[in-house]
Amino acid sequence: MDNVSLYGAIFIVLVIVLLGIFFDLLGIAVTAAEETPFHSMAASKVRGSKESITIIRNAGAVANFFNDVIGDISGIISGLATGVIVLKLVAKFAIQDTIINVLLTGVIAAITVGGKAIGKEIALRHSNLIVYKLGVIYSLFRKQNKNK
């Protein structure tokens, strides 16, 4: 972050926050999805349906990884990166660090909390579709690993 411009640092923080929001959405979708529709899809040999069943059957571990591991890491990294941005702003504009620290931290927290609230609503409404898309991606990785 020291070698990145102020705008680049802000962009990086926003990307980290958005990744946290996205993975939180995935974790919620996995816990909310229903297994039943995927059985009929698997009977019709729809790509990703078997993997979706596996994801749902392992919802606790998958959600823990997405929500807690990735979510917590993105929260910690975005907080640290926000601190670097505060230092850059203080150095550039010679303003008091307490004010900018509170403002910037509040903005990042609002984006995170608001984004996760919106993401949870999306995840609950479209959980099966989201898990199906995860299953398709998972099936592509499994296919690549079989070819090696």
Protein backbone atom coordinates (compact mmCIF):
# COMPACT_ATOMS: atom_id res chain seq x y z
CA MET A 1 0.00 0.00 0.00
CA ASP A 2 2.98 2.31 0.52
CA ASN A 3 3.79 2.15 -3.19
CA VAL A 4 0.20 2.74 -4.33
CA SER A 5 -1.40 6.12 -4.92
CA LEU A 6 -4.17 7.35 -2.65
CA TYR A 7 -6.81 6.48 -5.23
CA GLY A 8 -5.25 3.09 -5.80
CA ALA A 9 -5.30 2.40 -2.05
CA ILE A 10 -8.97 3.38 -1.84
CA PHE A 11 -9.74 1.10 -4.79
CA ILE A 12 -7.91 -1.80 -3.12
CA VAL A 13 -9.86 -1.30 0.12
CA LEU A 14 -13.15 -1.26 -1.78
CA VAL A 15 -12.22 -4.45 -3.62
CA ILE A 16 -11.35 -6.15 -0.33
CA VAL A 17 -14.65 -5.02 1.22
CA LEU A 18 -16.59 -6.21 -1.84
CA LEU A 19 -14.87 -9.61 -1.66
CA GLY A 20 -15.93 -9.90 1.98
CA ILE A 21 -19.50 -9.01 1.04
CA PHE A 22 -19.51 -11.46 -1.86
CA PHE A 23 -18.23 -14.39 0.19
CA ASP A 24 -20.68 -13.57 2.98
CA LEU A 25 -23.45 -13.77 0.37
CA LEU A 26 -22.16 -17.18 -0.75
CA GLY A 27 -22.03 -18.49 2.81
CA ILE A 28 -25.60 -17.39 3.53
CA ALA A 29 -26.85 -18.89 0.25
CA VAL A 30 -25.26 -22.24 1.04
CA THR A 31 -26.99 -22.43 4.41
CA ALA A 32 -30.35 -21.35 2.97
CA ALA A 33 -30.41 -23.58 -0.12
CA GLU A 34 -32.60 -26.67 -0.34
CA GLU A 35 -31.21 -29.98 -1.54
CA THR A 36 -34.40 -31.36 -3.13
CA PRO A 37 -34.34 -29.50 -6.49
CA PHE A 38 -30.79 -30.64 -7.12
CA HIS A 39 -31.75 -34.33 -6.95
CA SER A 40 -34.01 -34.02 -9.98
CA MET A 41 -31.30 -32.05 -11.76
CA ALA A 42 -28.76 -34.77 -10.91
CA ALA A 43 -31.14 -37.42 -12.27
CA SER A 44 -31.19 -35.44 -15.53
CA LYS A 45 -27.37 -35.25 -15.42
CA VAL A 46 -27.27 -31.45 -15.23
CA ARG A 47 -23.70 -30.24 -14.81
CA GLY A 48 -23.02 -28.99 -11.30
CA SER A 49 -26.06 -30.57 -9.67
CA LYS A 50 -24.14 -33.33 -7.87
CA GLU A 51 -21.58 -30.81 -6.73
CA SER A 52 -24.38 -28.54 -5.49
CA ILE A 53 -25.69 -31.42 -3.37
CA THR A 54 -22.20 -31.91 -1.96
CA ILE A 55 -21.97 -28.20 -1.16
CA ILE A 56 -25.36 -28.22 0.61
CA ARG A 57 -24.52 -31.37 2.58
CA ASN A 58 -21.36 -29.64 3.77
CA ALA A 59 -23.09 -26.29 4.35
CA GLY A 60 -21.64 -25.82 7.83
CA ALA A 61 -18.04 -26.12 6.72
CA VAL A 62 -18.58 -24.20 3.48
CA ALA A 63 -20.40 -21.34 5.22
CA ASN A 64 -17.78 -21.27 7.96
CA PHE A 65 -15.03 -20.93 5.38
CA PHE A 66 -16.83 -18.28 3.31
CA ASN A 67 -18.29 -16.23 6.16
CA ASP A 68 -15.78 -16.61 8.94
CA VAL A 69 -12.41 -17.30 7.34
CA ILE A 70 -12.64 -15.15 4.22
CA GLY A 71 -15.02 -12.63 5.81
CA ASP A 72 -12.83 -12.11 8.88
CA ILE A 73 -9.65 -11.91 6.85
CA SER A 74 -11.15 -9.34 4.48
CA GLY A 75 -12.38 -7.32 7.49
CA ILE A 76 -8.94 -7.30 9.09
CA ILE A 77 -7.14 -6.47 5.86
CA SER A 78 -9.60 -3.71 4.94
CA GLY A 79 -9.16 -2.21 8.42
CA LEU A 80 -5.39 -2.22 8.09
CA ALA A 81 -5.56 -0.82 4.57
CA THR A 82 -7.90 1.92 5.79
CA GLY A 83 -5.27 2.82 8.38
CA VAL A 84 -2.70 3.21 5.61
CA ILE A 85 -5.10 5.45 3.70
CA VAL A 86 -5.54 7.59 6.84
CA LEU A 87 -1.77 7.97 7.10
CA LYS A 88 -1.58 8.95 3.43
CA LEU A 89 -4.33 11.55 3.87
CA VAL A 90 -2.74 12.98 7.00
CA ALA A 91 0.62 13.27 5.24
CA LYS A 92 -0.87 14.76 2.07
CA PHE A 93 -3.32 17.27 3.55
CA ALA A 94 -1.82 17.85 7.03
CA ILE A 95 -5.16 17.28 8.76
CA GLN A 96 -5.81 15.80 12.16
CA ASP A 97 -5.66 12.02 11.99
CA THR A 98 -8.45 11.40 14.53
CA ILE A 99 -11.11 13.10 12.43
CA ILE A 100 -10.16 11.42 9.17
CA ASN A 101 -9.70 8.09 10.92
CA VAL A 102 -13.22 8.18 12.37
CA LEU A 103 -14.77 9.37 9.09
CA LEU A 104 -13.01 6.87 6.87
CA THR A 105 -13.53 3.97 9.24
CA GLY A 106 -17.22 4.90 9.48
CA VAL A 107 -17.58 4.98 5.71
CA ILE A 108 -15.88 1.60 5.27
CA ALA A 109 -17.97 0.10 8.09
CA ALA A 110 -21.17 1.48 6.53
CA ILE A 111 -20.27 0.04 3.13
CA THR A 112 -19.45 -3.32 4.71
CA VAL A 113 -22.56 -3.56 6.90
CA GLY A 114 -24.90 -2.20 4.22
CA GLY A 115 -23.37 -4.42 1.55
CA LYS A 116 -23.67 -7.51 3.72
CA ALA A 117 -27.30 -6.69 4.49
CA ILE A 118 -28.09 -6.38 0.79
CA GLY A 119 -26.05 -9.52 0.06
CA LYS A 120 -27.95 -11.52 2.67
CA GLU A 121 -31.27 -10.51 1.15
CA ILE A 122 -30.05 -11.57 -2.29
CA ALA A 123 -28.65 -14.82 -0.89
CA LEU A 124 -31.91 -15.73 0.83
CA ARG A 125 -34.03 -14.98 -2.23
CA HIS A 126 -31.79 -16.75 -4.74
CA SER A 127 -30.00 -19.37 -2.63
CA ASN A 128 -30.63 -22.34 -4.94
CA LEU A 129 -29.45 -20.44 -8.02
CA ILE A 130 -26.33 -19.24 -6.23
CA VAL A 131 -25.52 -22.74 -4.98
CA TYR A 132 -26.14 -24.13 -8.46
CA LYS A 133 -23.64 -21.64 -9.92
CA LEU A 134 -21.16 -22.65 -7.21
CA GLY A 135 -21.79 -26.28 -8.12
CA VAL A 136 -21.05 -25.59 -11.78
CA ILE A 137 -17.80 -23.83 -10.88
CA TYR A 138 -16.91 -26.68 -8.53
CA SER A 139 -17.61 -29.21 -11.29
CA LEU A 140 -15.25 -27.36 -13.63
CA PHE A 141 -12.47 -27.55 -11.05
CA ARG A 142 -13.17 -31.23 -10.45
CA LYS A 143 -13.04 -31.90 -14.20
CA GLN A 144 -9.69 -30.10 -14.51
CA ASN A 145 -8.25 -32.08 -11.60
CA LYS A 146 -9.39 -35.38 -13.16
CA ASN A 147 -7.58 -34.48 -16.39
CA LYS A 148 -4.24 -34.01 -14.58
